[in-house]
Amino acid sequence: MHAIGVELRIDPNKFRAIDWGDGDISRFRDTEFPLMDLGFKYSGKKFNSTYEYRKFSGSLYGQNYINSFFYVRYRIGGELLRHPGE
């Protein structure tokens, strides 16, 4: 199966960094916004593929500390698969 696709990650968080003076830079998030992934994949007869389809995908995910004992990780997303003629 031959296919081509593209993915995009959107990160609205702000970051800060520490330069340790030896060439190492540590980077950490200053905000706790969720990240978003968007994707598109196409497989068709133009690529000599057996199956022809279009796949759209998206997800929203993140992590937050509620307090020192509770750490919450979450992910929500979905995929839509389209065949020609539908």
N, C-alpha and C. Protein backbone atom coordinates (compact mmCIF):
# COMPACT_ATOMS: atom_id res chain seq x y z
N MET A 1 0.84 -1.17 0.00
CA MET A 1 0.00 0.00 0.00
C MET A 1 0.89 1.24 0.00
N HIS A 2 0.63 2.15 -0.90
CA HIS A 2 1.37 3.40 -1.00
C HIS A 2 0.47 4.54 -0.57
N ALA A 3 1.01 5.45 0.22
CA ALA A 3 0.21 6.57 0.73
C ALA A 3 1.11 7.77 0.98
N ILE A 4 0.48 8.92 1.07
CA ILE A 4 1.18 10.15 1.41
C ILE A 4 0.35 10.85 2.47
N GLY A 5 1.00 11.52 3.40
CA GLY A 5 0.27 12.16 4.48
C GLY A 5 1.01 13.36 5.04
N VAL A 6 0.29 14.11 5.84
CA VAL A 6 0.85 15.27 6.51
C VAL A 6 0.26 15.34 7.92
N GLU A 7 1.07 15.75 8.88
CA GLU A 7 0.62 15.92 10.25
C GLU A 7 1.06 17.29 10.75
N LEU A 8 0.22 17.88 11.60
CA LEU A 8 0.49 19.21 12.15
C LEU A 8 0.24 19.16 13.64
N ARG A 9 1.19 19.64 14.43
CA ARG A 9 1.03 19.73 15.88
C ARG A 9 0.98 21.20 16.26
N ILE A 10 -0.06 21.58 17.00
CA ILE A 10 -0.23 22.96 17.44
C ILE A 10 -0.02 22.99 18.95
N ASP A 11 0.94 23.79 19.39
CA ASP A 11 1.29 23.91 20.81
C ASP A 11 1.21 25.38 21.20
N PRO A 12 0.11 25.83 21.85
CA PRO A 12 -0.03 27.24 22.21
C PRO A 12 0.69 27.63 23.50
N ASN A 13 1.43 26.72 24.11
CA ASN A 13 2.08 26.99 25.39
C ASN A 13 3.25 27.96 25.22
N LYS A 14 3.53 28.67 26.30
CA LYS A 14 4.70 29.53 26.36
C LYS A 14 5.80 28.77 27.11
N PHE A 15 7.03 28.98 26.70
CA PHE A 15 8.16 28.25 27.28
C PHE A 15 9.19 29.23 27.85
N ARG A 16 9.93 28.76 28.81
CA ARG A 16 11.08 29.47 29.36
C ARG A 16 12.27 28.53 29.25
N ALA A 17 13.46 29.10 29.33
CA ALA A 17 14.66 28.28 29.19
C ALA A 17 15.74 28.76 30.15
N ILE A 18 16.61 27.82 30.50
CA ILE A 18 17.77 28.12 31.34
C ILE A 18 19.01 27.75 30.54
N ASP A 19 19.91 28.70 30.37
CA ASP A 19 21.19 28.45 29.71
C ASP A 19 22.21 28.18 30.81
N TRP A 20 22.74 26.98 30.85
CA TRP A 20 23.65 26.58 31.91
C TRP A 20 25.07 27.07 31.67
N GLY A 21 25.36 27.70 30.55
CA GLY A 21 26.67 28.26 30.29
C GLY A 21 27.65 27.28 29.66
N ASP A 22 27.28 26.02 29.53
CA ASP A 22 28.16 25.02 28.94
C ASP A 22 27.62 24.51 27.60
N GLY A 23 26.67 25.24 27.02
CA GLY A 23 26.07 24.83 25.76
C GLY A 23 24.76 24.10 25.92
N ASP A 24 24.44 23.64 27.13
CA ASP A 24 23.16 22.98 27.39
C ASP A 24 22.11 24.02 27.76
N ILE A 25 20.93 23.85 27.17
CA ILE A 25 19.81 24.73 27.47
C ILE A 25 18.64 23.84 27.87
N SER A 26 18.09 24.08 29.05
CA SER A 26 16.92 23.35 29.54
C SER A 26 15.68 24.19 29.24
N ARG A 27 14.67 23.55 28.67
CA ARG A 27 13.45 24.25 28.30
C ARG A 27 12.29 23.64 29.07
N PHE A 28 11.40 24.48 29.61
CA PHE A 28 10.24 23.99 30.33
C PHE A 28 9.03 24.86 30.02
N ARG A 29 7.84 24.23 30.13
CA ARG A 29 6.60 24.94 29.83
C ARG A 29 6.23 25.88 30.96
N ASP A 30 5.75 27.06 30.57
CA ASP A 30 5.30 28.05 31.53
C ASP A 30 3.78 28.05 31.67
N THR A 31 3.07 27.48 30.70
CA THR A 31 1.60 27.39 30.73
C THR A 31 1.18 25.93 30.57
N GLU A 32 -0.08 25.64 30.82
CA GLU A 32 -0.58 24.26 30.82
C GLU A 32 -1.70 24.03 29.81
N PHE A 33 -1.61 24.63 28.62
CA PHE A 33 -2.63 24.43 27.60
C PHE A 33 -2.46 23.07 26.94
N PRO A 34 -3.57 22.47 26.47
CA PRO A 34 -3.47 21.19 25.77
C PRO A 34 -2.87 21.37 24.37
N LEU A 35 -2.32 20.29 23.83
CA LEU A 35 -1.76 20.28 22.49
C LEU A 35 -2.78 19.68 21.53
N MET A 36 -2.67 20.04 20.25
CA MET A 36 -3.59 19.53 19.24
C MET A 36 -2.79 18.94 18.09
N ASP A 37 -3.16 17.74 17.68
CA ASP A 37 -2.58 17.08 16.50
C ASP A 37 -3.65 16.96 15.43
N LEU A 38 -3.31 17.34 14.20
CA LEU A 38 -4.19 17.19 13.05
C LEU A 38 -3.45 16.42 11.98
N GLY A 39 -4.15 15.55 11.28
CA GLY A 39 -3.49 14.74 10.26
C GLY A 39 -4.38 14.46 9.06
N PHE A 40 -3.73 14.20 7.94
CA PHE A 40 -4.41 13.83 6.70
C PHE A 40 -3.54 12.81 5.98
N LYS A 41 -4.15 11.73 5.50
CA LYS A 41 -3.42 10.70 4.77
C LYS A 41 -4.23 10.33 3.53
N TYR A 42 -3.55 10.19 2.39
CA TYR A 42 -4.21 9.87 1.14
C TYR A 42 -3.52 8.69 0.48
N SER A 43 -4.32 7.75 0.03
CA SER A 43 -3.82 6.62 -0.73
C SER A 43 -4.73 6.48 -1.95
N GLY A 44 -4.12 6.41 -3.12
CA GLY A 44 -4.95 6.34 -4.31
C GLY A 44 -4.26 5.67 -5.48
N LYS A 45 -4.99 5.61 -6.57
CA LYS A 45 -4.48 4.96 -7.78
C LYS A 45 -3.30 5.72 -8.38
N LYS A 46 -3.18 7.00 -8.06
CA LYS A 46 -2.04 7.79 -8.54
C LYS A 46 -0.72 7.26 -7.97
N PHE A 47 -0.80 6.58 -6.81
CA PHE A 47 0.39 6.02 -6.16
C PHE A 47 0.49 4.51 -6.36
N ASN A 48 -0.25 3.96 -7.30
CA ASN A 48 -0.30 2.51 -7.56
C ASN A 48 -0.71 1.72 -6.32
N SER A 49 -1.63 2.27 -5.57
CA SER A 49 -2.11 1.61 -4.36
C SER A 49 -3.30 0.71 -4.68
N THR A 50 -3.42 -0.37 -3.96
CA THR A 50 -4.53 -1.30 -4.12
C THR A 50 -5.84 -0.67 -3.63
N TYR A 51 -5.77 0.04 -2.52
CA TYR A 51 -6.95 0.66 -1.92
C TYR A 51 -6.87 2.17 -2.08
N GLU A 52 -8.03 2.80 -2.25
CA GLU A 52 -8.09 4.25 -2.36
C GLU A 52 -8.90 4.79 -1.19
N TYR A 53 -8.31 5.70 -0.41
CA TYR A 53 -8.99 6.28 0.73
C TYR A 53 -8.36 7.62 1.12
N ARG A 54 -9.11 8.35 1.94
CA ARG A 54 -8.64 9.57 2.58
C ARG A 54 -8.92 9.44 4.07
N LYS A 55 -7.93 9.72 4.90
CA LYS A 55 -8.11 9.61 6.34
C LYS A 55 -7.79 10.95 6.99
N PHE A 56 -8.75 11.47 7.74
CA PHE A 56 -8.58 12.70 8.50
C PHE A 56 -8.53 12.31 9.98
N SER A 57 -7.62 12.91 10.73
CA SER A 57 -7.52 12.58 12.15
C SER A 57 -7.23 13.84 12.96
N GLY A 58 -7.64 13.81 14.21
CA GLY A 58 -7.39 14.91 15.11
C GLY A 58 -7.45 14.45 16.55
N SER A 59 -6.63 15.06 17.39
CA SER A 59 -6.67 14.74 18.81
C SER A 59 -6.23 15.95 19.63
N LEU A 60 -6.74 16.00 20.83
CA LEU A 60 -6.43 17.03 21.80
C LEU A 60 -5.94 16.31 23.05
N TYR A 61 -4.77 16.68 23.54
CA TYR A 61 -4.23 15.97 24.70
C TYR A 61 -3.39 16.90 25.57
N GLY A 62 -3.23 16.49 26.82
CA GLY A 62 -2.46 17.29 27.76
C GLY A 62 -2.28 16.56 29.07
N GLN A 63 -1.72 17.30 30.01
CA GLN A 63 -1.47 16.77 31.35
C GLN A 63 -1.43 17.92 32.33
N ASN A 64 -1.92 17.69 33.53
CA ASN A 64 -1.96 18.72 34.56
C ASN A 64 -1.75 18.10 35.92
N TYR A 65 -1.09 18.84 36.79
CA TYR A 65 -0.98 18.49 38.20
C TYR A 65 -2.11 19.19 38.93
N ILE A 66 -2.96 18.41 39.62
CA ILE A 66 -4.02 19.00 40.42
C ILE A 66 -3.43 19.44 41.76
N ASN A 67 -2.64 18.59 42.36
CA ASN A 67 -1.83 18.93 43.54
C ASN A 67 -0.64 17.97 43.54
N SER A 68 0.08 17.88 44.61
CA SER A 68 1.28 17.05 44.62
C SER A 68 0.98 15.54 44.54
N PHE A 69 -0.28 15.14 44.77
CA PHE A 69 -0.63 13.73 44.74
C PHE A 69 -1.36 13.30 43.46
N PHE A 70 -2.01 14.23 42.78
CA PHE A 70 -2.82 13.89 41.62
C PHE A 70 -2.25 14.50 40.35
N TYR A 71 -1.99 13.62 39.39
CA TYR A 71 -1.45 14.00 38.09
C TYR A 71 -2.40 13.44 37.03
N VAL A 72 -3.01 14.29 36.23
CA VAL A 72 -4.02 13.88 35.27
C VAL A 72 -3.47 13.99 33.86
N ARG A 73 -3.58 12.89 33.11
CA ARG A 73 -3.23 12.88 31.69
C ARG A 73 -4.49 12.55 30.91
N TYR A 74 -4.70 13.23 29.78
CA TYR A 74 -5.89 13.00 29.00
C TYR A 74 -5.59 13.10 27.51
N ARG A 75 -6.43 12.42 26.72
CA ARG A 75 -6.36 12.44 25.25
C ARG A 75 -7.74 12.15 24.71
N ILE A 76 -8.20 12.99 23.79
CA ILE A 76 -9.47 12.77 23.12
C ILE A 76 -9.25 13.04 21.64
N GLY A 77 -9.81 12.19 20.81
CA GLY A 77 -9.58 12.36 19.38
C GLY A 77 -10.48 11.47 18.56
N GLY A 78 -10.27 11.54 17.26
CA GLY A 78 -11.07 10.72 16.37
C GLY A 78 -10.45 10.67 14.98
N GLU A 79 -10.98 9.76 14.18
CA GLU A 79 -10.54 9.59 12.80
C GLU A 79 -11.77 9.46 11.91
N LEU A 80 -11.65 9.98 10.71
CA LEU A 80 -12.69 9.85 9.70
C LEU A 80 -12.03 9.27 8.46
N LEU A 81 -12.52 8.13 8.02
CA LEU A 81 -11.97 7.44 6.85
C LEU A 81 -12.99 7.52 5.73
N ARG A 82 -12.58 8.11 4.60
CA ARG A 82 -13.46 8.29 3.46
C ARG A 82 -12.97 7.48 2.27
N HIS A 83 -13.86 6.70 1.69
CA HIS A 83 -13.57 5.97 0.47
C HIS A 83 -14.20 6.72 -0.70
N PRO A 84 -13.64 6.63 -1.88
CA PRO A 84 -14.25 7.32 -3.03
C PRO A 84 -15.65 6.81 -3.30
N GLY A 85 -16.51 7.69 -3.69
CA GLY A 85 -17.89 7.30 -3.98
C GLY A 85 -18.82 7.40 -2.80
N GLU A 86 -18.30 7.79 -1.63
CA GLU A 86 -19.16 7.93 -0.45
C GLU A 86 -19.54 9.36 -0.25
